[in-house]
Amino acid sequence: HLAVRDFDEAVEAAFRTWFRSERLPREPSPAVLEEEVSVWFARERTARPGGYRLDRLMRSIRTAHDDAALAAVGNRLEHGMRERLDALLADDGSGAAYTRLSADPGKVGLESLLTEIAKLEVVRDLKLPADLLAGLHPDLVKRFRRRASVESAWELRRHPAHIRLPLLAFYCVPREAEI
């Protein structure tokens, strides 16, 4: 009597398309996302699946979205850029350049100013185009940047190149503007 459909394969495909194209690019907060998902099920007159199934489905879609974003940035990186990004993680005897780049500037003073200038030179030497992250939502860029910033050079080196290099790009492009 209420004309409510079951959550079948066709509805799941429609939900995946809607979620991937309209919700994930904006990076909504969990509370906002929950409300928007509830509204979608009500508007589509579809029975909402159980919490476990819906959470798994949304995690799956988010993972595919993240993989696509990493691949898009990775595909924009030229061979020289890839080599320069990998060089950030190489230990030159005094530690990796990435470790120095991600270090806190410390107390304001001449020494910290000179250190920040050296960091800026390192980032500029990467020669990453300013539009490398164009077309990606700023919140997505922030999320990937945070992900890269909490990892050490050793942890980043452990990732395969298709993850490591885009993560470094997500970190370095905004870092140049920040410094």
C-alpha atoms as a PDB file:
ATOM      1  CA  HIS A   1       0.000   0.000   0.000  1.00  0.00           C
ATOM      2  CA  LEU A   2       2.882   2.387   0.622  1.00  0.00           C
ATOM      3  CA  ALA A   3       4.603   1.514  -2.676  1.00  0.00           C
ATOM      4  CA  VAL A   4       7.954   0.952  -0.973  1.00  0.00           C
ATOM      5  CA  ARG A   5      10.421  -1.087  -3.017  1.00  0.00           C
ATOM      6  CA  ASP A   6      12.919  -3.576  -1.709  1.00  0.00           C
ATOM      7  CA  PHE A   7      16.591  -2.734  -1.830  1.00  0.00           C
ATOM      8  CA  ASP A   8      17.445  -4.919  -4.806  1.00  0.00           C
ATOM      9  CA  GLU A   9      20.331  -4.837  -7.316  1.00  0.00           C
ATOM     10  CA  ALA A  10      18.751  -2.118  -9.480  1.00  0.00           C
ATOM     11  CA  VAL A  11      18.184   0.152  -6.479  1.00  0.00           C
ATOM     12  CA  GLU A  12      21.704  -0.581  -5.233  1.00  0.00           C
ATOM     13  CA  ALA A  13      23.122   0.474  -8.617  1.00  0.00           C
ATOM     14  CA  ALA A  14      21.094   3.700  -8.515  1.00  0.00           C
ATOM     15  CA  PHE A  15      22.267   4.358  -4.943  1.00  0.00           C
ATOM     16  CA  ARG A  16      25.906   3.739  -5.907  1.00  0.00           C
ATOM     17  CA  THR A  17      25.627   6.184  -8.807  1.00  0.00           C
ATOM     18  CA  TRP A  18      23.951   8.863  -6.694  1.00  0.00           C
ATOM     19  CA  PHE A  19      26.341   8.436  -3.773  1.00  0.00           C
ATOM     20  CA  ARG A  20      29.484   8.468  -5.958  1.00  0.00           C
ATOM     21  CA  SER A  21      28.493  11.361  -8.204  1.00  0.00           C
ATOM     22  CA  GLU A  22      26.560  13.687  -5.903  1.00  0.00           C
ATOM     23  CA  ARG A  23      27.668  13.072  -2.313  1.00  0.00           C
ATOM     24  CA  LEU A  24      31.291  11.955  -2.216  1.00  0.00           C
ATOM     25  CA  PRO A  25      32.783  14.816  -4.228  1.00  0.00           C
ATOM     26  CA  ARG A  26      31.541  17.265  -1.575  1.00  0.00           C
ATOM     27  CA  GLU A  27      33.016  15.318   1.387  1.00  0.00           C
ATOM     28  CA  PRO A  28      30.006  15.868   3.691  1.00  0.00           C
ATOM     29  CA  SER A  29      30.305  15.353   7.430  1.00  0.00           C
ATOM     30  CA  PRO A  30      28.952  12.047   8.803  1.00  0.00           C
ATOM     31  CA  ALA A  31      25.819  13.677  10.263  1.00  0.00           C
ATOM     32  CA  VAL A  32      25.006  15.491   7.027  1.00  0.00           C
ATOM     33  CA  LEU A  33      25.710  12.359   5.006  1.00  0.00           C
ATOM     34  CA  GLU A  34      23.394  10.278   7.199  1.00  0.00           C
ATOM     35  CA  GLU A  35      20.593  12.798   6.703  1.00  0.00           C
ATOM     36  CA  GLU A  36      21.124  12.918   2.927  1.00  0.00           C
ATOM     37  CA  VAL A  37      21.111   9.122   2.685  1.00  0.00           C
ATOM     38  CA  SER A  38      17.867   8.951   4.663  1.00  0.00           C
ATOM     39  CA  VAL A  39      16.307  11.568   2.389  1.00  0.00           C
ATOM     40  CA  TRP A  40      17.411   9.605  -0.692  1.00  0.00           C
ATOM     41  CA  PHE A  41      15.746   6.413   0.543  1.00  0.00           C
ATOM     42  CA  ALA A  42      12.551   8.301   1.397  1.00  0.00           C
ATOM     43  CA  ARG A  43      12.494  10.105  -1.954  1.00  0.00           C
ATOM     44  CA  GLU A  44      13.096   6.865  -3.857  1.00  0.00           C
ATOM     45  CA  ARG A  45      10.485   5.067  -1.762  1.00  0.00           C
ATOM     46  CA  THR A  46      12.914   2.281  -1.042  1.00  0.00           C
ATOM     47  CA  ALA A  47      13.315   0.189   2.082  1.00  0.00           C
ATOM     48  CA  ARG A  48      16.589   1.116   3.736  1.00  0.00           C
ATOM     49  CA  PRO A  49      18.899  -1.884   4.143  1.00  0.00           C
ATOM     50  CA  GLY A  50      20.280  -2.846   7.526  1.00  0.00           C
ATOM     51  CA  GLY A  51      22.980  -0.707   9.060  1.00  0.00           C
ATOM     52  CA  TYR A  52      25.761  -3.251   8.520  1.00  0.00           C
ATOM     53  CA  ARG A  53      24.940  -3.727   4.829  1.00  0.00           C
ATOM     54  CA  LEU A  54      24.562   0.007   4.202  1.00  0.00           C
ATOM     55  CA  ASP A  55      27.839   0.809   5.998  1.00  0.00           C
ATOM     56  CA  ARG A  56      29.697  -1.794   3.944  1.00  0.00           C
ATOM     57  CA  LEU A  57      28.156  -0.453   0.743  1.00  0.00           C
ATOM     58  CA  MET A  58      29.092   3.151   1.543  1.00  0.00           C
ATOM     59  CA  ARG A  59      32.649   2.133   2.558  1.00  0.00           C
ATOM     60  CA  SER A  60      32.981   0.234  -0.711  1.00  0.00           C
ATOM     61  CA  ILE A  61      31.844   3.238  -2.747  1.00  0.00           C
ATOM     62  CA  ARG A  62      34.136   5.600  -0.785  1.00  0.00           C
ATOM     63  CA  THR A  63      37.107   3.279  -1.317  1.00  0.00           C
ATOM     64  CA  ALA A  64      36.435   3.161  -5.054  1.00  0.00           C
ATOM     65  CA  HIS A  65      36.095   6.962  -5.079  1.00  0.00           C
ATOM     66  CA  ASP A  66      39.384   7.388  -3.199  1.00  0.00           C
ATOM     67  CA  ASP A  67      41.128   4.953  -5.538  1.00  0.00           C
ATOM     68  CA  ALA A  68      39.826   6.921  -8.522  1.00  0.00           C
ATOM     69  CA  ALA A  69      41.076  10.219  -7.020  1.00  0.00           C
ATOM     70  CA  LEU A  70      44.521   8.735  -6.351  1.00  0.00           C
ATOM     71  CA  ALA A  71      44.628   7.304  -9.877  1.00  0.00           C
ATOM     72  CA  ALA A  72      43.578  10.634 -11.412  1.00  0.00           C
ATOM     73  CA  VAL A  73      46.390  12.487  -9.642  1.00  0.00           C
ATOM     74  CA  GLY A  74      48.837   9.672 -10.335  1.00  0.00           C
ATOM     75  CA  ASN A  75      48.044   9.807 -14.048  1.00  0.00           C
ATOM     76  CA  ARG A  76      48.808  13.544 -14.093  1.00  0.00           C
ATOM     77  CA  LEU A  77      52.320  12.984 -12.755  1.00  0.00           C
ATOM     78  CA  GLU A  78      55.022  12.946 -15.380  1.00  0.00           C
ATOM     79  CA  HIS A  79      58.064  10.685 -15.090  1.00  0.00           C
ATOM     80  CA  GLY A  80      60.322  13.463 -13.767  1.00  0.00           C
ATOM     81  CA  MET A  81      57.773  14.468 -11.144  1.00  0.00           C
ATOM     82  CA  ARG A  82      57.526  10.845  -9.995  1.00  0.00           C
ATOM     83  CA  GLU A  83      61.285  10.621  -9.563  1.00  0.00           C
ATOM     84  CA  ARG A  84      61.443  13.904  -7.643  1.00  0.00           C
ATOM     85  CA  LEU A  85      58.593  12.844  -5.348  1.00  0.00           C
ATOM     86  CA  ASP A  86      60.274   9.499  -4.653  1.00  0.00           C
ATOM     87  CA  ALA A  87      63.512  11.345  -3.907  1.00  0.00           C
ATOM     88  CA  LEU A  88      61.719  13.117  -1.031  1.00  0.00           C
ATOM     89  CA  LEU A  89      61.511   9.767   0.742  1.00  0.00           C
ATOM     90  CA  ALA A  90      65.128   8.723   0.157  1.00  0.00           C
ATOM     91  CA  ASP A  91      67.427   8.852   3.176  1.00  0.00           C
ATOM     92  CA  ASP A  92      70.376  11.096   2.365  1.00  0.00           C
ATOM     93  CA  GLY A  93      72.267  10.320   5.571  1.00  0.00           C
ATOM     94  CA  SER A  94      70.577  13.067   7.566  1.00  0.00           C
ATOM     95  CA  GLY A  95      67.086  11.641   7.127  1.00  0.00           C
ATOM     96  CA  ALA A  96      64.519  11.945   4.382  1.00  0.00           C
ATOM     97  CA  ALA A  97      63.710  15.344   2.906  1.00  0.00           C
ATOM     98  CA  TYR A  98      60.030  14.560   3.510  1.00  0.00           C
ATOM     99  CA  THR A  99      60.702  14.302   7.246  1.00  0.00           C
ATOM    100  CA  ARG A 100      62.271  17.763   7.281  1.00  0.00           C
ATOM    101  CA  LEU A 101      59.484  19.118   5.057  1.00  0.00           C
ATOM    102  CA  SER A 102      56.744  17.853   7.357  1.00  0.00           C
ATOM    103  CA  ALA A 103      58.464  18.968  10.561  1.00  0.00           C
ATOM    104  CA  ASP A 104      56.905  21.657  12.707  1.00  0.00           C
ATOM    105  CA  PRO A 105      58.511  25.086  12.146  1.00  0.00           C
ATOM    106  CA  GLY A 106      59.073  25.588  15.872  1.00  0.00           C
ATOM    107  CA  LYS A 107      59.516  28.842  17.722  1.00  0.00           C
ATOM    108  CA  VAL A 108      59.541  31.983  15.579  1.00  0.00           C
ATOM    109  CA  GLY A 109      63.039  33.222  14.939  1.00  0.00           C
ATOM    110  CA  LEU A 110      65.742  33.579  12.332  1.00  0.00           C
ATOM    111  CA  GLU A 111      66.628  29.878  12.430  1.00  0.00           C
ATOM    112  CA  SER A 112      63.029  28.766  11.899  1.00  0.00           C
ATOM    113  CA  LEU A 113      62.614  31.298   9.091  1.00  0.00           C
ATOM    114  CA  LEU A 114      65.679  29.947   7.307  1.00  0.00           C
ATOM    115  CA  THR A 115      64.395  26.400   7.801  1.00  0.00           C
ATOM    116  CA  GLU A 116      61.046  27.321   6.256  1.00  0.00           C
ATOM    117  CA  ILE A 117      62.815  28.956   3.300  1.00  0.00           C
ATOM    118  CA  ALA A 118      64.775  25.731   2.789  1.00  0.00           C
ATOM    119  CA  LYS A 119      61.487  23.780   2.877  1.00  0.00           C
ATOM    120  CA  LEU A 120      60.014  26.108   0.264  1.00  0.00           C
ATOM    121  CA  GLU A 121      63.020  25.499  -1.980  1.00  0.00           C
ATOM    122  CA  VAL A 122      62.549  21.734  -1.608  1.00  0.00           C
ATOM    123  CA  VAL A 123      58.885  21.965  -2.585  1.00  0.00           C
ATOM    124  CA  ARG A 124      59.579  24.315  -5.508  1.00  0.00           C
ATOM    125  CA  ASP A 125      62.317  21.982  -6.769  1.00  0.00           C
ATOM    126  CA  LEU A 126      59.629  19.318  -7.206  1.00  0.00           C
ATOM    127  CA  LYS A 127      58.187  21.460 -10.022  1.00  0.00           C
ATOM    128  CA  LEU A 128      54.649  20.250  -9.433  1.00  0.00           C
ATOM    129  CA  PRO A 129      52.063  22.201 -11.436  1.00  0.00           C
ATOM    130  CA  ALA A 130      49.707  24.325  -9.359  1.00  0.00           C
ATOM    131  CA  ASP A 131      46.711  22.786 -11.157  1.00  0.00           C
ATOM    132  CA  LEU A 132      47.748  19.207 -10.365  1.00  0.00           C
ATOM    133  CA  LEU A 133      44.838  18.839  -7.943  1.00  0.00           C
ATOM    134  CA  ALA A 134      42.367  20.780 -10.098  1.00  0.00           C
ATOM    135  CA  GLY A 135      38.880  19.337 -10.233  1.00  0.00           C
ATOM    136  CA  LEU A 136      39.117  17.709  -6.818  1.00  0.00           C
ATOM    137  CA  HIS A 137      37.025  18.957  -3.939  1.00  0.00           C
ATOM    138  CA  PRO A 138      39.094  20.941  -1.384  1.00  0.00           C
ATOM    139  CA  ASP A 139      37.860  18.704   1.442  1.00  0.00           C
ATOM    140  CA  LEU A 140      39.106  15.622  -0.427  1.00  0.00           C
ATOM    141  CA  VAL A 141      42.493  17.286  -0.865  1.00  0.00           C
ATOM    142  CA  LYS A 142      42.571  18.111   2.874  1.00  0.00           C
ATOM    143  CA  ARG A 143      41.687  14.533   3.800  1.00  0.00           C
ATOM    144  CA  PHE A 144      44.450  13.048   1.658  1.00  0.00           C
ATOM    145  CA  ARG A 145      46.899  15.691   2.869  1.00  0.00           C
ATOM    146  CA  ARG A 146      46.134  14.798   6.471  1.00  0.00           C
ATOM    147  CA  ARG A 147      46.582  11.130   5.611  1.00  0.00           C
ATOM    148  CA  ALA A 148      50.034  11.815   4.162  1.00  0.00           C
ATOM    149  CA  SER A 149      51.058  14.144   6.982  1.00  0.00           C
ATOM    150  CA  VAL A 150      50.527  11.569   9.729  1.00  0.00           C
ATOM    151  CA  GLU A 151      52.754   9.022   8.016  1.00  0.00           C
ATOM    152  CA  SER A 152      56.516   8.980   8.285  1.00  0.00           C
ATOM    153  CA  ALA A 153      58.775   8.707   5.253  1.00  0.00           C
ATOM    154  CA  TRP A 154      59.318   5.044   6.100  1.00  0.00           C
ATOM    155  CA  GLU A 155      55.550   4.381   6.147  1.00  0.00           C
ATOM    156  CA  LEU A 156      55.040   6.237   2.877  1.00  0.00           C
ATOM    157  CA  ARG A 157      57.837   4.233   1.208  1.00  0.00           C
ATOM    158  CA  ARG A 158      55.948   1.038   2.072  1.00  0.00           C
ATOM    159  CA  HIS A 159      52.957   2.044  -0.077  1.00  0.00           C
ATOM    160  CA  PRO A 160      52.912   0.983  -3.724  1.00  0.00           C
ATOM    161  CA  ALA A 161      53.781   3.774  -6.169  1.00  0.00           C
ATOM    162  CA  HIS A 162      50.166   4.270  -7.303  1.00  0.00           C
ATOM    163  CA  ILE A 163      49.298   5.299  -3.727  1.00  0.00           C
ATOM    164  CA  ARG A 164      52.597   6.771  -2.487  1.00  0.00           C
ATOM    165  CA  LEU A 165      53.169   9.301  -5.271  1.00  0.00           C
ATOM    166  CA  PRO A 166      49.650  10.803  -5.324  1.00  0.00           C
ATOM    167  CA  LEU A 167      49.707  11.034  -1.510  1.00  0.00           C
ATOM    168  CA  LEU A 168      52.964  12.968  -1.716  1.00  0.00           C
ATOM    169  CA  ALA A 169      51.422  15.227  -4.359  1.00  0.00           C
ATOM    170  CA  PHE A 170      48.370  15.799  -2.125  1.00  0.00           C
ATOM    171  CA  TYR A 171      50.781  16.815   0.624  1.00  0.00           C
ATOM    172  CA  CYS A 172      53.257  18.922  -1.372  1.00  0.00           C
ATOM    173  CA  VAL A 173      50.995  21.041  -3.595  1.00  0.00           C
ATOM    174  CA  PRO A 174      49.108  22.685  -0.693  1.00  0.00           C
ATOM    175  CA  ARG A 175      52.290  22.723   1.399  1.00  0.00           C
ATOM    176  CA  GLU A 176      53.980  25.024  -1.130  1.00  0.00           C
ATOM    177  CA  ALA A 177      51.151  27.522  -0.831  1.00  0.00           C
ATOM    178  CA  GLU A 178      51.201  27.194   2.950  1.00  0.00           C
ATOM    179  CA  ILE A 179      54.912  27.884   3.326  1.00  0.00           C
END
